[in-house]
Amino acid sequence: MLKFDFSVKTRDGQKVESIQIQGRDIFDAERKLRQMYHNCDVMQCRTISTDKVPSQSADIEEVLSLIAKHN
C-alpha cells in the first residue's frame, strides 16, 4: 500500500498538516481522510515513499567472526 501525506483546511477553518494515510491509491486515501474530516478542503497531498529497504540483521556468529578478523 502507498502512504499519502495530506494538509487540509477543516470546515471550521483550521489548518491541519501532515495527516498520513495509507491507501491503494490517492482516491482510497482521500476517501479515508474525508471519513475523519467531513467537508474539508485538501490543501496539499503528496505521496510518501515506502520503498525503504529493511535493515539487515546479523546473527551472533557473524558478529564474532568480524570481531575476530579485526584482532
N, C-alpha and C. Protein backbone atom coordinates (compact mmCIF):
# COMPACT_ATOMS: atom_id res chain seq x y z
N MET A 1 0.83 -1.19 0.00
CA MET A 1 0.00 0.00 0.00
C MET A 1 0.87 1.24 0.00
N LEU A 2 0.35 2.26 -0.60
CA LEU A 2 1.04 3.54 -0.62
C LEU A 2 0.65 4.36 0.60
N LYS A 3 1.44 5.36 0.89
CA LYS A 3 1.15 6.25 2.01
C LYS A 3 1.11 7.68 1.46
N PHE A 4 0.11 8.44 1.91
CA PHE A 4 -0.07 9.80 1.44
C PHE A 4 -0.07 10.76 2.62
N ASP A 5 0.49 11.95 2.40
CA ASP A 5 0.57 12.99 3.42
C ASP A 5 -0.32 14.15 2.98
N PHE A 6 -1.37 14.42 3.77
CA PHE A 6 -2.34 15.46 3.44
C PHE A 6 -2.18 16.66 4.35
N SER A 7 -2.45 17.83 3.80
CA SER A 7 -2.66 19.05 4.56
C SER A 7 -4.05 19.52 4.20
N VAL A 8 -4.88 19.78 5.21
CA VAL A 8 -6.28 20.12 4.94
C VAL A 8 -6.68 21.36 5.72
N LYS A 9 -7.77 21.95 5.27
CA LYS A 9 -8.43 23.03 5.99
C LYS A 9 -9.80 22.47 6.38
N THR A 10 -10.06 22.42 7.68
CA THR A 10 -11.31 21.83 8.16
C THR A 10 -12.48 22.76 7.86
N ARG A 11 -13.69 22.23 8.05
CA ARG A 11 -14.88 23.05 7.79
C ARG A 11 -14.97 24.23 8.76
N ASP A 12 -14.26 24.15 9.90
CA ASP A 12 -14.20 25.25 10.86
C ASP A 12 -13.13 26.27 10.51
N GLY A 13 -12.31 25.98 9.49
CA GLY A 13 -11.28 26.91 9.06
C GLY A 13 -9.90 26.65 9.63
N GLN A 14 -9.76 25.60 10.44
CA GLN A 14 -8.44 25.27 11.00
C GLN A 14 -7.61 24.52 9.97
N LYS A 15 -6.32 24.81 9.97
CA LYS A 15 -5.40 24.10 9.09
C LYS A 15 -4.78 22.94 9.85
N VAL A 16 -4.82 21.76 9.25
CA VAL A 16 -4.22 20.57 9.84
C VAL A 16 -3.21 20.05 8.82
N GLU A 17 -1.97 19.92 9.26
CA GLU A 17 -0.90 19.50 8.35
C GLU A 17 -0.39 18.12 8.71
N SER A 18 0.12 17.44 7.74
CA SER A 18 0.80 16.16 7.89
C SER A 18 -0.11 15.07 8.47
N ILE A 19 -1.21 14.83 7.78
CA ILE A 19 -2.08 13.70 8.11
C ILE A 19 -1.66 12.57 7.18
N GLN A 20 -1.09 11.52 7.73
CA GLN A 20 -0.58 10.43 6.92
C GLN A 20 -1.58 9.28 6.90
N ILE A 21 -1.96 8.88 5.68
CA ILE A 21 -2.97 7.84 5.49
C ILE A 21 -2.49 6.86 4.43
N GLN A 22 -2.65 5.58 4.72
CA GLN A 22 -2.32 4.54 3.74
C GLN A 22 -3.54 4.27 2.87
N GLY A 23 -3.27 3.93 1.60
CA GLY A 23 -4.35 3.59 0.70
C GLY A 23 -3.82 2.90 -0.54
N ARG A 24 -4.72 2.24 -1.26
CA ARG A 24 -4.32 1.57 -2.50
C ARG A 24 -3.90 2.59 -3.55
N ASP A 25 -4.59 3.74 -3.54
CA ASP A 25 -4.27 4.85 -4.43
C ASP A 25 -4.72 6.14 -3.75
N ILE A 26 -4.56 7.25 -4.44
CA ILE A 26 -4.89 8.54 -3.82
C ILE A 26 -6.38 8.66 -3.53
N PHE A 27 -7.21 8.04 -4.37
CA PHE A 27 -8.65 8.12 -4.18
C PHE A 27 -9.09 7.37 -2.92
N ASP A 28 -8.46 6.22 -2.67
CA ASP A 28 -8.75 5.44 -1.48
C ASP A 28 -8.31 6.20 -0.22
N ALA A 29 -7.13 6.81 -0.28
CA ALA A 29 -6.63 7.57 0.87
C ALA A 29 -7.49 8.80 1.13
N GLU A 30 -7.91 9.47 0.08
CA GLU A 30 -8.75 10.65 0.26
C GLU A 30 -10.13 10.27 0.80
N ARG A 31 -10.65 9.13 0.41
CA ARG A 31 -11.92 8.64 0.95
C ARG A 31 -11.81 8.43 2.46
N LYS A 32 -10.70 7.83 2.89
CA LYS A 32 -10.46 7.61 4.33
C LYS A 32 -10.30 8.95 5.05
N LEU A 33 -9.62 9.89 4.42
CA LEU A 33 -9.43 11.22 5.00
C LEU A 33 -10.78 11.90 5.24
N ARG A 34 -11.65 11.83 4.26
CA ARG A 34 -12.95 12.50 4.36
C ARG A 34 -13.88 11.83 5.36
N GLN A 35 -13.60 10.59 5.73
CA GLN A 35 -14.37 9.95 6.80
C GLN A 35 -14.02 10.58 8.15
N MET A 36 -12.78 11.03 8.28
CA MET A 36 -12.34 11.66 9.53
C MET A 36 -12.60 13.16 9.55
N TYR A 37 -12.42 13.82 8.41
CA TYR A 37 -12.58 15.27 8.29
C TYR A 37 -13.67 15.55 7.26
N HIS A 38 -14.92 15.57 7.71
CA HIS A 38 -16.06 15.82 6.81
C HIS A 38 -15.98 17.24 6.26
N ASN A 39 -16.26 17.37 4.99
CA ASN A 39 -16.32 18.68 4.31
C ASN A 39 -15.03 19.48 4.42
N CYS A 40 -13.89 18.81 4.44
CA CYS A 40 -12.61 19.54 4.49
C CYS A 40 -12.17 19.91 3.08
N ASP A 41 -11.28 20.87 3.00
CA ASP A 41 -10.64 21.25 1.74
C ASP A 41 -9.22 20.73 1.77
N VAL A 42 -8.85 19.91 0.78
CA VAL A 42 -7.49 19.39 0.70
C VAL A 42 -6.60 20.49 0.13
N MET A 43 -5.65 20.92 0.93
CA MET A 43 -4.74 21.99 0.52
C MET A 43 -3.55 21.42 -0.26
N GLN A 44 -3.06 20.26 0.21
CA GLN A 44 -1.88 19.66 -0.40
C GLN A 44 -1.91 18.16 -0.14
N CYS A 45 -1.40 17.40 -1.10
CA CYS A 45 -1.27 15.96 -0.93
C CYS A 45 0.02 15.53 -1.62
N ARG A 46 0.78 14.70 -0.92
CA ARG A 46 2.00 14.16 -1.55
C ARG A 46 2.13 12.70 -1.18
N THR A 47 2.77 11.96 -2.07
CA THR A 47 2.99 10.54 -1.84
C THR A 47 4.28 10.36 -1.05
N ILE A 48 4.22 9.50 -0.05
CA ILE A 48 5.39 9.20 0.77
C ILE A 48 5.97 7.88 0.28
N SER A 49 7.25 7.87 0.05
CA SER A 49 7.92 6.66 -0.42
C SER A 49 7.97 5.61 0.69
N THR A 50 7.50 4.42 0.38
CA THR A 50 7.55 3.31 1.33
C THR A 50 8.47 2.21 0.82
N ASP A 51 9.42 2.60 -0.05
CA ASP A 51 10.33 1.64 -0.64
C ASP A 51 11.58 1.40 0.19
N LYS A 52 11.56 1.80 1.43
CA LYS A 52 12.75 1.67 2.27
C LYS A 52 13.08 0.19 2.47
N VAL A 53 14.34 -0.12 2.29
CA VAL A 53 14.80 -1.49 2.46
C VAL A 53 14.98 -1.77 3.95
N PRO A 54 14.38 -2.84 4.44
CA PRO A 54 14.56 -3.14 5.86
C PRO A 54 16.02 -3.42 6.17
N SER A 55 16.44 -3.02 7.36
CA SER A 55 17.83 -3.23 7.73
C SER A 55 18.11 -4.72 7.87
N GLN A 56 19.31 -5.09 7.50
CA GLN A 56 19.68 -6.50 7.53
C GLN A 56 20.25 -6.82 8.90
N SER A 57 19.73 -7.85 9.54
CA SER A 57 20.23 -8.21 10.86
C SER A 57 21.32 -9.27 10.72
N ALA A 58 22.22 -9.27 11.67
CA ALA A 58 23.32 -10.23 11.67
C ALA A 58 23.17 -11.13 12.90
N ASP A 59 23.50 -12.39 12.71
CA ASP A 59 23.45 -13.27 13.87
C ASP A 59 24.76 -13.18 14.65
N ILE A 60 24.78 -13.74 15.82
CA ILE A 60 25.92 -13.60 16.73
C ILE A 60 27.20 -14.18 16.14
N GLU A 61 27.09 -15.24 15.35
CA GLU A 61 28.29 -15.85 14.76
C GLU A 61 28.95 -14.90 13.76
N GLU A 62 28.16 -14.17 12.98
CA GLU A 62 28.71 -13.20 12.03
C GLU A 62 29.42 -12.07 12.77
N VAL A 63 28.84 -11.62 13.84
CA VAL A 63 29.43 -10.53 14.63
C VAL A 63 30.76 -10.98 15.24
N LEU A 64 30.76 -12.20 15.82
CA LEU A 64 32.01 -12.71 16.41
C LEU A 64 33.10 -12.92 15.38
N SER A 65 32.72 -13.36 14.18
CA SER A 65 33.74 -13.56 13.14
C SER A 65 34.32 -12.21 12.69
N LEU A 66 33.51 -11.17 12.64
CA LEU A 66 34.01 -9.84 12.30
C LEU A 66 34.95 -9.31 13.37
N ILE A 67 34.62 -9.54 14.62
CA ILE A 67 35.48 -9.10 15.72
C ILE A 67 36.80 -9.84 15.68
N ALA A 68 36.74 -11.14 15.41
CA ALA A 68 37.95 -11.96 15.38
C ALA A 68 38.88 -11.52 14.23
N LYS A 69 38.33 -11.09 13.11
CA LYS A 69 39.12 -10.66 11.97
C LYS A 69 39.87 -9.37 12.26
N HIS A 70 39.30 -8.52 13.10
CA HIS A 70 39.93 -7.23 13.41
C HIS A 70 40.99 -7.32 14.51
N ASN A 71 41.10 -8.45 15.19
CA ASN A 71 42.09 -8.59 16.27
C ASN A 71 43.37 -9.21 15.79
